[in-house]
Amino acid sequence: MKIVVTGSLGNISKPLSIALIKKGHSVTVISSNLAKQVEIEQLGAKAQIGSLTDTQFVIAAFTGADAVYCMTPFDFSVADQDAHMKQIIANYVKAIQHAGIRKVILLTGWAAEVAGHSMTEVYKQLADVNVSELRPAIFYTNFYQMMDLMRGKGLMGLVMGLQAYGIRALFGRRGLLLGNYGGDDRIVLVAPADIAAAAVEEFESPVTGVKIRYVGSDELSCNEAAAALGAAIGKPWMKWLRITDKQMLQGYKMAGLPEGLAAGMVKMQAAIHDGTVLAQYDRHKPVLGKVKVKDFAREFAKRYI
């Protein structure tokens, strides 16, 4: 198949592109960064350099494709994040319709419904298209943003983790993680490699209409995740404490996030604590991926040193 992959050479898009190329598919990778063109071409893919907010660019990039992988990146330089995402999604819909594409892998997130980013209207516009909506849980790679805090460099700082339609942030100090979910709250973590593998399966499997697929690699409590990471870096006492929604919101504001975006993030994270997100996940409970938290902890420790 001729497949277009959005997301440049990100944590999911790069392994996805490599896997698809190995399977003999013709892959085009969209990136907004001209500097990525050579690396994309070295993978054996074609590079399309431009902005996903440019309707005509997206239409041109999708033309001739049999299938597409669509993710919607955040842009924190944009004050109205919701409008930004809606513009990109609208461009995807127009391009898919124009190109006559019949197979779409759409990346959202496990808190998509809580965040109010329902895909219902998109599905209505793509009535003749077979869509697999991937809803990954919390990315392991979010923890890489915590390294300086774990080293004790600063009393408080922002730790931001991004997924299409779900952002989480933690504030912390040495040996302690904090967020408006934590402690014994049950969470699901996922490796980008497992998300990429799920996307490959969806590309190569028959799908009729709309299919929702949650993606996770390991299920555990927040404190168990903190302990696993702590043990790997010589801090076995590490804990993940929960703070109030109000404290979390204030922390985001201190970090300079727009109030609307900060409030939305706090709402999504609160829904992890109260079980709303887990209830949706459990209704579509997936087969877990290969990369467990202990596997990730070993890789994390290598970078932590």
C-alpha atoms as a PDB file:
ATOM      1  CA  MET A   1       0.000   0.000   0.000  1.00  0.00           C
ATOM      2  CA  LYS A   2       0.901   3.633  -0.393  1.00  0.00           C
ATOM      3  CA  ILE A   3       0.730   4.999   3.149  1.00  0.00           C
ATOM      4  CA  VAL A   4       1.108   8.541   4.462  1.00  0.00           C
ATOM      5  CA  VAL A   5       2.419   8.883   8.018  1.00  0.00           C
ATOM      6  CA  THR A   6       2.014  12.137   9.938  1.00  0.00           C
ATOM      7  CA  GLY A   7       4.032  13.008  13.041  1.00  0.00           C
ATOM      8  CA  SER A   8       7.436  13.412  11.374  1.00  0.00           C
ATOM      9  CA  LEU A   9      10.015  11.139  13.065  1.00  0.00           C
ATOM     10  CA  GLY A  10       8.355  11.161  16.461  1.00  0.00           C
ATOM     11  CA  ASN A  11       8.270   8.429  19.080  1.00  0.00           C
ATOM     12  CA  ILE A  12       5.502   6.565  17.247  1.00  0.00           C
ATOM     13  CA  SER A  13       5.821   7.723  13.659  1.00  0.00           C
ATOM     14  CA  LYS A  14       9.461   6.713  13.213  1.00  0.00           C
ATOM     15  CA  PRO A  15       9.144   3.056  14.327  1.00  0.00           C
ATOM     16  CA  LEU A  16       5.824   2.876  12.465  1.00  0.00           C
ATOM     17  CA  SER A  17       7.434   4.104   9.247  1.00  0.00           C
ATOM     18  CA  ILE A  18      10.368   1.696   9.622  1.00  0.00           C
ATOM     19  CA  ALA A  19       8.038  -1.262  10.204  1.00  0.00           C
ATOM     20  CA  LEU A  20       5.814  -0.394   7.244  1.00  0.00           C
ATOM     21  CA  ILE A  21       8.810  -0.008   4.916  1.00  0.00           C
ATOM     22  CA  LYS A  22      10.192  -3.381   6.044  1.00  0.00           C
ATOM     23  CA  LYS A  23       6.846  -4.925   5.141  1.00  0.00           C
ATOM     24  CA  GLY A  24       7.120  -3.552   1.621  1.00  0.00           C
ATOM     25  CA  HIS A  25       4.762  -0.597   1.860  1.00  0.00           C
ATOM     26  CA  SER A  26       5.515   2.712   0.127  1.00  0.00           C
ATOM     27  CA  VAL A  27       5.664   5.327   2.890  1.00  0.00           C
ATOM     28  CA  THR A  28       5.459   9.115   2.788  1.00  0.00           C
ATOM     29  CA  VAL A  29       6.276  10.948   6.026  1.00  0.00           C
ATOM     30  CA  ILE A  30       4.922  14.436   6.674  1.00  0.00           C
ATOM     31  CA  SER A  31       7.081  16.788   8.724  1.00  0.00           C
ATOM     32  CA  SER A  32       7.057  20.524   9.347  1.00  0.00           C
ATOM     33  CA  ASN A  33      10.828  20.459   9.844  1.00  0.00           C
ATOM     34  CA  LEU A  34      12.914  20.707   6.669  1.00  0.00           C
ATOM     35  CA  ALA A  35      15.926  19.426   8.615  1.00  0.00           C
ATOM     36  CA  LYS A  36      14.186  16.045   8.933  1.00  0.00           C
ATOM     37  CA  GLN A  37      13.998  15.479   5.178  1.00  0.00           C
ATOM     38  CA  VAL A  38      17.349  13.723   4.802  1.00  0.00           C
ATOM     39  CA  GLU A  39      16.704  11.400   7.762  1.00  0.00           C
ATOM     40  CA  ILE A  40      13.257  10.542   6.437  1.00  0.00           C
ATOM     41  CA  GLU A  41      14.683   9.691   3.024  1.00  0.00           C
ATOM     42  CA  GLN A  42      17.451   7.614   4.610  1.00  0.00           C
ATOM     43  CA  LEU A  43      14.736   5.396   6.105  1.00  0.00           C
ATOM     44  CA  GLY A  44      13.512   4.695   2.606  1.00  0.00           C
ATOM     45  CA  ALA A  45      10.468   6.948   2.810  1.00  0.00           C
ATOM     46  CA  LYS A  46       9.434  10.001   0.834  1.00  0.00           C
ATOM     47  CA  ALA A  47       9.393  13.298   2.723  1.00  0.00           C
ATOM     48  CA  GLN A  48       6.633  15.880   2.482  1.00  0.00           C
ATOM     49  CA  ILE A  49       7.621  19.083   4.279  1.00  0.00           C
ATOM     50  CA  GLY A  50       4.869  21.460   5.308  1.00  0.00           C
ATOM     51  CA  SER A  51       2.300  22.409   7.938  1.00  0.00           C
ATOM     52  CA  LEU A  52      -0.731  20.336   8.867  1.00  0.00           C
ATOM     53  CA  THR A  53      -2.615  23.610   9.314  1.00  0.00           C
ATOM     54  CA  ASP A  54      -2.183  24.272   5.578  1.00  0.00           C
ATOM     55  CA  THR A  55      -5.242  22.722   3.942  1.00  0.00           C
ATOM     56  CA  GLN A  56      -3.855  22.615   0.416  1.00  0.00           C
ATOM     57  CA  PHE A  57      -0.568  21.092   1.577  1.00  0.00           C
ATOM     58  CA  VAL A  58      -2.360  18.266   3.407  1.00  0.00           C
ATOM     59  CA  ILE A  59      -4.616  17.584   0.409  1.00  0.00           C
ATOM     60  CA  ALA A  60      -1.587  17.408  -1.899  1.00  0.00           C
ATOM     61  CA  ALA A  61       0.338  15.169   0.532  1.00  0.00           C
ATOM     62  CA  PHE A  62      -2.562  12.702   0.816  1.00  0.00           C
ATOM     63  CA  THR A  63      -3.268  12.560  -2.908  1.00  0.00           C
ATOM     64  CA  GLY A  64      -2.425   9.138  -4.350  1.00  0.00           C
ATOM     65  CA  ALA A  65      -2.308   7.385  -0.968  1.00  0.00           C
ATOM     66  CA  ASP A  66      -4.216   4.217  -0.149  1.00  0.00           C
ATOM     67  CA  ALA A  67      -4.129   4.725   3.617  1.00  0.00           C
ATOM     68  CA  VAL A  68      -3.026   7.300   6.188  1.00  0.00           C
ATOM     69  CA  TYR A  69      -1.899   7.497   9.796  1.00  0.00           C
ATOM     70  CA  CYS A  70      -3.223  10.712  11.354  1.00  0.00           C
ATOM     71  CA  MET A  71      -2.064  12.203  14.622  1.00  0.00           C
ATOM     72  CA  THR A  72      -2.773  15.730  15.848  1.00  0.00           C
ATOM     73  CA  PRO A  73       0.262  17.414  17.430  1.00  0.00           C
ATOM     74  CA  PHE A  74       0.007  20.018  20.164  1.00  0.00           C
ATOM     75  CA  ASP A  75       1.482  23.458  19.534  1.00  0.00           C
ATOM     76  CA  PHE A  76       1.994  25.331  22.783  1.00  0.00           C
ATOM     77  CA  SER A  77       2.758  28.532  20.893  1.00  0.00           C
ATOM     78  CA  VAL A  78      -0.946  28.608  19.978  1.00  0.00           C
ATOM     79  CA  ALA A  79      -3.232  30.126  22.617  1.00  0.00           C
ATOM     80  CA  ASP A  80      -6.389  28.335  21.422  1.00  0.00           C
ATOM     81  CA  GLN A  81      -5.269  24.720  21.353  1.00  0.00           C
ATOM     82  CA  ASP A  82      -8.775  23.427  20.698  1.00  0.00           C
ATOM     83  CA  ALA A  83      -9.158  25.536  17.549  1.00  0.00           C
ATOM     84  CA  HIS A  84      -5.675  24.462  16.418  1.00  0.00           C
ATOM     85  CA  MET A  85      -6.581  20.780  16.696  1.00  0.00           C
ATOM     86  CA  LYS A  86      -9.955  21.220  15.041  1.00  0.00           C
ATOM     87  CA  GLN A  87      -8.240  22.907  12.083  1.00  0.00           C
ATOM     88  CA  ILE A  88      -5.846  20.004  11.609  1.00  0.00           C
ATOM     89  CA  ILE A  89      -8.622  17.421  11.927  1.00  0.00           C
ATOM     90  CA  ALA A  90     -10.743  19.363   9.411  1.00  0.00           C
ATOM     91  CA  ASN A  91      -7.786  19.338   7.016  1.00  0.00           C
ATOM     92  CA  TYR A  92      -7.416  15.590   7.456  1.00  0.00           C
ATOM     93  CA  VAL A  93     -11.084  15.054   6.639  1.00  0.00           C
ATOM     94  CA  LYS A  94     -10.910  17.234   3.513  1.00  0.00           C
ATOM     95  CA  ALA A  95      -7.734  15.519   2.327  1.00  0.00           C
ATOM     96  CA  ILE A  96      -9.086  12.009   2.947  1.00  0.00           C
ATOM     97  CA  GLN A  97     -12.267  12.831   1.064  1.00  0.00           C
ATOM     98  CA  HIS A  98     -10.395  14.498  -1.807  1.00  0.00           C
ATOM     99  CA  ALA A  99      -7.940  11.615  -2.179  1.00  0.00           C
ATOM    100  CA  GLY A 100     -10.612   8.934  -1.889  1.00  0.00           C
ATOM    101  CA  ILE A 101      -8.707   7.172   0.892  1.00  0.00           C
ATOM    102  CA  ARG A 102     -10.562   4.220   2.362  1.00  0.00           C
ATOM    103  CA  LYS A 103      -8.349   3.239   5.323  1.00  0.00           C
ATOM    104  CA  VAL A 104      -7.383   5.567   8.161  1.00  0.00           C
ATOM    105  CA  ILE A 105      -5.509   4.979  11.414  1.00  0.00           C
ATOM    106  CA  LEU A 106      -6.398   7.839  13.750  1.00  0.00           C
ATOM    107  CA  LEU A 107      -4.373   8.437  16.921  1.00  0.00           C
ATOM    108  CA  THR A 108      -6.240  10.048  19.806  1.00  0.00           C
ATOM    109  CA  GLY A 109      -5.745   9.047  23.456  1.00  0.00           C
ATOM    110  CA  TRP A 110      -7.352   7.120  26.280  1.00  0.00           C
ATOM    111  CA  ALA A 111      -8.795  10.353  27.738  1.00  0.00           C
ATOM    112  CA  ALA A 112     -10.218  11.553  24.422  1.00  0.00           C
ATOM    113  CA  GLU A 113     -13.854  11.296  25.445  1.00  0.00           C
ATOM    114  CA  VAL A 114     -13.252  12.932  28.814  1.00  0.00           C
ATOM    115  CA  ALA A 115     -11.457  15.782  27.069  1.00  0.00           C
ATOM    116  CA  GLY A 116     -14.478  16.382  24.890  1.00  0.00           C
ATOM    117  CA  HIS A 117     -12.697  15.488  21.670  1.00  0.00           C
ATOM    118  CA  SER A 118     -15.352  13.122  20.376  1.00  0.00           C
ATOM    119  CA  MET A 119     -14.679  11.799  16.899  1.00  0.00           C
ATOM    120  CA  THR A 120     -18.375  11.278  16.202  1.00  0.00           C
ATOM    121  CA  GLU A 121     -18.666  14.186  13.771  1.00  0.00           C
ATOM    122  CA  VAL A 122     -15.465  13.131  12.022  1.00  0.00           C
ATOM    123  CA  TYR A 123     -16.805   9.607  11.576  1.00  0.00           C
ATOM    124  CA  LYS A 124     -20.013  10.982  10.073  1.00  0.00           C
ATOM    125  CA  GLN A 125     -17.982  12.879   7.485  1.00  0.00           C
ATOM    126  CA  LEU A 126     -15.966   9.739   6.739  1.00  0.00           C
ATOM    127  CA  ALA A 127     -18.959   7.441   6.438  1.00  0.00           C
ATOM    128  CA  ASP A 128     -17.423   5.418   3.595  1.00  0.00           C
ATOM    129  CA  VAL A 129     -13.989   5.180   5.198  1.00  0.00           C
ATOM    130  CA  ASN A 130     -12.728   2.369   7.424  1.00  0.00           C
ATOM    131  CA  VAL A 131     -11.226   3.980  10.520  1.00  0.00           C
ATOM    132  CA  SER A 132      -9.199   2.456  13.341  1.00  0.00           C
ATOM    133  CA  GLU A 133      -9.021   4.893  16.251  1.00  0.00           C
ATOM    134  CA  LEU A 134      -6.034   4.128  18.471  1.00  0.00           C
ATOM    135  CA  ARG A 135      -6.333   5.308  22.055  1.00  0.00           C
ATOM    136  CA  PRO A 136      -2.972   4.828  23.783  1.00  0.00           C
ATOM    137  CA  ALA A 137      -2.628   5.282  27.531  1.00  0.00           C
ATOM    138  CA  ILE A 138       0.189   7.209  29.301  1.00  0.00           C
ATOM    139  CA  PHE A 139       3.453   7.142  27.386  1.00  0.00           C
ATOM    140  CA  TYR A 140       6.527   5.751  29.138  1.00  0.00           C
ATOM    141  CA  THR A 141       8.549   8.425  27.372  1.00  0.00           C
ATOM    142  CA  ASN A 142       6.819  11.116  29.450  1.00  0.00           C
ATOM    143  CA  PHE A 143       9.140  10.131  32.275  1.00  0.00           C
ATOM    144  CA  TYR A 144      12.201  11.322  30.367  1.00  0.00           C
ATOM    145  CA  GLN A 145      11.032  14.858  31.064  1.00  0.00           C
ATOM    146  CA  MET A 146      11.375  14.186  34.801  1.00  0.00           C
ATOM    147  CA  MET A 147      15.090  13.491  34.876  1.00  0.00           C
ATOM    148  CA  ASP A 148      16.303  16.824  36.231  1.00  0.00           C
ATOM    149  CA  LEU A 149      13.681  16.721  38.951  1.00  0.00           C
ATOM    150  CA  MET A 150      14.703  13.202  39.935  1.00  0.00           C
ATOM    151  CA  ARG A 151      18.294  14.427  40.159  1.00  0.00           C
ATOM    152  CA  GLY A 152      17.161  17.076  42.613  1.00  0.00           C
ATOM    153  CA  LYS A 153      17.870  20.022  40.300  1.00  0.00           C
ATOM    154  CA  GLY A 154      15.136  22.345  41.448  1.00  0.00           C
ATOM    155  CA  LEU A 155      12.434  22.277  44.102  1.00  0.00           C
ATOM    156  CA  MET A 156       9.588  22.441  41.619  1.00  0.00           C
ATOM    157  CA  GLY A 157       9.331  22.211  37.868  1.00  0.00           C
ATOM    158  CA  LEU A 158       7.004  21.233  35.095  1.00  0.00           C
ATOM    159  CA  VAL A 159       7.074  17.733  33.687  1.00  0.00           C
ATOM    160  CA  MET A 160       5.005  17.529  30.582  1.00  0.00           C
ATOM    161  CA  GLY A 161       3.960  14.399  28.713  1.00  0.00           C
ATOM    162  CA  LEU A 162       2.144  14.703  25.319  1.00  0.00           C
ATOM    163  CA  GLN A 163      -0.526  12.094  23.478  1.00  0.00           C
ATOM    164  CA  ALA A 164      -2.870  12.854  20.991  1.00  0.00           C
ATOM    165  CA  TYR A 165      -5.874  14.172  23.012  1.00  0.00           C
ATOM    166  CA  GLY A 166      -4.373  13.588  26.464  1.00  0.00           C
ATOM    167  CA  ILE A 167      -1.649  15.518  28.264  1.00  0.00           C
ATOM    168  CA  ARG A 168      -0.372  14.839  31.702  1.00  0.00           C
ATOM    169  CA  ALA A 169       1.996  16.815  33.870  1.00  0.00           C
ATOM    170  CA  LEU A 170       3.625  16.154  37.207  1.00  0.00           C
ATOM    171  CA  PHE A 171       5.369  18.418  39.648  1.00  0.00           C
ATOM    172  CA  GLY A 172       8.068  16.960  41.768  1.00  0.00           C
ATOM    173  CA  ARG A 173      11.128  17.137  43.925  1.00  0.00           C
ATOM    174  CA  ARG A 174      13.933  14.678  44.518  1.00  0.00           C
ATOM    175  CA  GLY A 175      12.535  11.202  45.103  1.00  0.00           C
ATOM    176  CA  LEU A 176       8.956  12.395  44.849  1.00  0.00           C
ATOM    177  CA  LEU A 177       6.466  12.705  41.997  1.00  0.00           C
ATOM    178  CA  LEU A 178       3.323  14.763  42.360  1.00  0.00           C
ATOM    179  CA  GLY A 179       0.174  15.149  40.307  1.00  0.00           C
ATOM    180  CA  ASN A 180      -3.595  15.348  40.682  1.00  0.00           C
ATOM    181  CA  TYR A 181      -3.587  11.590  40.227  1.00  0.00           C
ATOM    182  CA  GLY A 182      -1.081   9.382  42.007  1.00  0.00           C
ATOM    183  CA  GLY A 183      -0.536   7.135  45.002  1.00  0.00           C
ATOM    184  CA  ASP A 184      -2.443   3.892  44.589  1.00  0.00           C
ATOM    185  CA  ASP A 185      -4.411   5.154  41.584  1.00  0.00           C
ATOM    186  CA  ARG A 186      -4.367   2.512  38.872  1.00  0.00           C
ATOM    187  CA  ILE A 187      -2.772   3.618  35.622  1.00  0.00           C
ATOM    188  CA  VAL A 188      -1.872   2.116  32.270  1.00  0.00           C
ATOM    189  CA  LEU A 189       1.486   2.870  30.675  1.00  0.00           C
ATOM    190  CA  VAL A 190       2.395   2.293  27.056  1.00  0.00           C
ATOM    191  CA  ALA A 191       5.530   2.139  24.946  1.00  0.00           C
ATOM    192  CA  PRO A 192       5.542   4.037  21.625  1.00  0.00           C
ATOM    193  CA  ALA A 193       6.908   0.873  20.028  1.00  0.00           C
ATOM    194  CA  ASP A 194       3.785  -1.009  21.111  1.00  0.00           C
ATOM    195  CA  ILE A 195       1.583   1.758  19.696  1.00  0.00           C
ATOM    196  CA  ALA A 196       3.460   1.569  16.392  1.00  0.00           C
ATOM    197  CA  ALA A 197       3.024  -2.215  16.360  1.00  0.00           C
ATOM    198  CA  ALA A 198      -0.721  -1.795  16.932  1.00  0.00           C
ATOM    199  CA  ALA A 199      -0.908   0.682  14.053  1.00  0.00           C
ATOM    200  CA  VAL A 200       0.850  -1.759  11.725  1.00  0.00           C
ATOM    201  CA  GLU A 201      -1.651  -4.457  12.685  1.00  0.00           C
ATOM    202  CA  GLU A 202      -4.547  -2.121  11.940  1.00  0.00           C
ATOM    203  CA  PHE A 203      -3.121  -1.210   8.531  1.00  0.00           C
ATOM    204  CA  GLU A 204      -2.813  -4.875   7.616  1.00  0.00           C
ATOM    205  CA  SER A 205      -6.096  -6.100   9.137  1.00  0.00           C
ATOM    206  CA  PRO A 206      -9.551  -5.862   7.572  1.00  0.00           C
ATOM    207  CA  VAL A 207     -11.606  -3.163   9.294  1.00  0.00           C
ATOM    208  CA  THR A 208     -15.167  -2.256   8.395  1.00  0.00           C
ATOM    209  CA  GLY A 209     -16.565   1.051   9.602  1.00  0.00           C
ATOM    210  CA  VAL A 210     -15.122   2.380  12.849  1.00  0.00           C
ATOM    211  CA  LYS A 211     -12.991   0.378  15.262  1.00  0.00           C
ATOM    212  CA  ILE A 212     -11.818   1.738  18.619  1.00  0.00           C
ATOM    213  CA  ARG A 213      -8.675   0.128  19.995  1.00  0.00           C
ATOM    214  CA  TYR A 214      -7.089   1.070  23.299  1.00  0.00           C
ATOM    215  CA  VAL A 215      -3.347   0.449  23.551  1.00  0.00           C
ATOM    216  CA  GLY A 216      -1.396  -0.295  26.725  1.00  0.00           C
ATOM    217  CA  SER A 217       1.796  -2.071  27.700  1.00  0.00           C
ATOM    218  CA  ASP A 218       1.544  -2.452  31.484  1.00  0.00           C
ATOM    219  CA  GLU A 219      -1.054  -1.881  34.208  1.00  0.00           C
ATOM    220  CA  LEU A 220      -0.038  -0.911  37.739  1.00  0.00           C
ATOM    221  CA  SER A 221      -0.434   1.774  40.394  1.00  0.00           C
ATOM    222  CA  CYS A 222       1.285   5.150  40.286  1.00  0.00           C
ATOM    223  CA  ASN A 223       3.414   4.215  43.305  1.00  0.00           C
ATOM    224  CA  GLU A 224       4.417   0.934  41.661  1.00  0.00           C
ATOM    225  CA  ALA A 225       5.533   2.850  38.578  1.00  0.00           C
ATOM    226  CA  ALA A 226       7.498   5.301  40.737  1.00  0.00           C
ATOM    227  CA  ALA A 227       9.106   2.431  42.651  1.00  0.00           C
ATOM    228  CA  ALA A 228      10.162   0.673  39.431  1.00  0.00           C
ATOM    229  CA  LEU A 229      11.799   3.808  38.082  1.00  0.00           C
ATOM    230  CA  GLY A 230      13.278   4.656  41.454  1.00  0.00           C
ATOM    231  CA  ALA A 231      14.821   1.205  41.843  1.00  0.00           C
ATOM    232  CA  ALA A 232      16.411   1.509  38.405  1.00  0.00           C
ATOM    233  CA  ILE A 233      18.110   4.825  39.250  1.00  0.00           C
ATOM    234  CA  GLY A 234      19.080   4.080  42.840  1.00  0.00           C
ATOM    235  CA  LYS A 235      16.091   5.774  44.507  1.00  0.00           C
ATOM    236  CA  PRO A 236      13.989   2.815  45.707  1.00  0.00           C
ATOM    237  CA  TRP A 237      12.070   5.099  48.099  1.00  0.00           C
ATOM    238  CA  MET A 238      10.503   7.059  45.254  1.00  0.00           C
ATOM    239  CA  LYS A 239       6.783   7.801  45.702  1.00  0.00           C
ATOM    240  CA  TRP A 240       4.078   9.394  43.556  1.00  0.00           C
ATOM    241  CA  LEU A 241       1.883  11.637  45.695  1.00  0.00           C
ATOM    242  CA  ARG A 242      -1.425  13.143  44.663  1.00  0.00           C
ATOM    243  CA  ILE A 243      -2.094  16.862  45.033  1.00  0.00           C
ATOM    244  CA  THR A 244      -5.406  18.669  44.613  1.00  0.00           C
ATOM    245  CA  ASP A 245      -6.848  19.792  41.303  1.00  0.00           C
ATOM    246  CA  LYS A 246      -6.527  23.385  42.498  1.00  0.00           C
ATOM    247  CA  GLN A 247      -2.812  22.954  43.239  1.00  0.00           C
ATOM    248  CA  MET A 248      -2.301  21.274  39.880  1.00  0.00           C
ATOM    249  CA  LEU A 249      -4.059  24.108  38.067  1.00  0.00           C
ATOM    250  CA  GLN A 250      -1.966  26.690  39.883  1.00  0.00           C
ATOM    251  CA  GLY A 251       1.174  24.811  38.929  1.00  0.00           C
ATOM    252  CA  TYR A 252       0.225  24.867  35.254  1.00  0.00           C
ATOM    253  CA  LYS A 253      -0.484  28.581  35.414  1.00  0.00           C
ATOM    254  CA  MET A 254       2.888  29.174  37.054  1.00  0.00           C
ATOM    255  CA  ALA A 255       4.436  27.300  34.142  1.00  0.00           C
ATOM    256  CA  GLY A 256       2.826  29.750  31.735  1.00  0.00           C
ATOM    257  CA  LEU A 257       0.121  27.583  30.210  1.00  0.00           C
ATOM    258  CA  PRO A 258      -3.037  29.353  28.985  1.00  0.00           C
ATOM    259  CA  GLU A 259      -5.827  29.056  31.547  1.00  0.00           C
ATOM    260  CA  GLY A 260      -8.193  27.159  29.245  1.00  0.00           C
ATOM    261  CA  LEU A 261      -5.576  24.592  28.309  1.00  0.00           C
ATOM    262  CA  ALA A 262      -4.449  24.209  31.923  1.00  0.00           C
ATOM    263  CA  ALA A 263      -8.025  23.614  33.074  1.00  0.00           C
ATOM    264  CA  GLY A 264      -8.531  20.973  30.375  1.00  0.00           C
ATOM    265  CA  MET A 265      -5.384  19.138  31.395  1.00  0.00           C
ATOM    266  CA  VAL A 266      -6.392  19.117  35.052  1.00  0.00           C
ATOM    267  CA  LYS A 267      -9.816  17.768  34.088  1.00  0.00           C
ATOM    268  CA  MET A 268      -8.313  14.883  32.113  1.00  0.00           C
ATOM    269  CA  GLN A 269      -5.925  13.974  34.903  1.00  0.00           C
ATOM    270  CA  ALA A 270      -8.675  14.155  37.519  1.00  0.00           C
ATOM    271  CA  ALA A 271     -10.604  11.639  35.408  1.00  0.00           C
ATOM    272  CA  ILE A 272      -7.707   9.218  35.799  1.00  0.00           C
ATOM    273  CA  HIS A 273      -7.914   9.572  39.587  1.00  0.00           C
ATOM    274  CA  ASP A 274     -11.690   9.162  39.786  1.00  0.00           C
ATOM    275  CA  GLY A 275     -11.688   6.130  37.476  1.00  0.00           C
ATOM    276  CA  THR A 276     -13.616   7.630  34.560  1.00  0.00           C
ATOM    277  CA  VAL A 277     -10.818   7.037  32.067  1.00  0.00           C
ATOM    278  CA  LEU A 278     -10.154   3.530  33.409  1.00  0.00           C
ATOM    279  CA  ALA A 279     -13.829   2.648  33.041  1.00  0.00           C
ATOM    280  CA  GLN A 280     -13.689   3.496  29.327  1.00  0.00           C
ATOM    281  CA  TYR A 281     -10.425   1.582  28.981  1.00  0.00           C
ATOM    282  CA  ASP A 282     -11.842  -1.501  30.730  1.00  0.00           C
ATOM    283  CA  ARG A 283     -14.803  -1.605  28.334  1.00  0.00           C
ATOM    284  CA  HIS A 284     -12.349  -1.972  25.446  1.00  0.00           C
ATOM    285  CA  LYS A 285      -9.617  -3.781  27.369  1.00  0.00           C
ATOM    286  CA  PRO A 286      -6.755  -4.602  24.986  1.00  0.00           C
ATOM    287  CA  VAL A 287      -4.150  -7.311  24.910  1.00  0.00           C
ATOM    288  CA  LEU A 288      -1.157  -5.601  26.510  1.00  0.00           C
ATOM    289  CA  GLY A 289       1.955  -4.890  24.472  1.00  0.00           C
ATOM    290  CA  LYS A 290       5.410  -6.353  24.950  1.00  0.00           C
ATOM    291  CA  VAL A 291       7.267  -3.531  26.740  1.00  0.00           C
ATOM    292  CA  LYS A 292       6.711  -3.713  30.506  1.00  0.00           C
ATOM    293  CA  VAL A 293       7.568  -1.035  33.042  1.00  0.00           C
ATOM    294  CA  LYS A 294      10.669  -2.949  34.171  1.00  0.00           C
ATOM    295  CA  ASP A 295      11.888  -3.043  30.562  1.00  0.00           C
ATOM    296  CA  PHE A 296      11.397   0.697  30.225  1.00  0.00           C
ATOM    297  CA  ALA A 297      13.023   1.333  33.621  1.00  0.00           C
ATOM    298  CA  ARG A 298      16.255  -0.244  32.368  1.00  0.00           C
ATOM    299  CA  GLU A 299      16.279   2.037  29.331  1.00  0.00           C
ATOM    300  CA  PHE A 300      15.389   5.000  31.507  1.00  0.00           C
ATOM    301  CA  ALA A 301      18.317   4.278  33.820  1.00  0.00           C
ATOM    302  CA  LYS A 302      20.753   4.324  30.889  1.00  0.00           C
ATOM    303  CA  ARG A 303      19.697   7.854  30.004  1.00  0.00           C
ATOM    304  CA  TYR A 304      19.503   8.964  33.621  1.00  0.00           C
ATOM    305  CA  ILE A 305      23.191   8.337  34.295  1.00  0.00           C
END
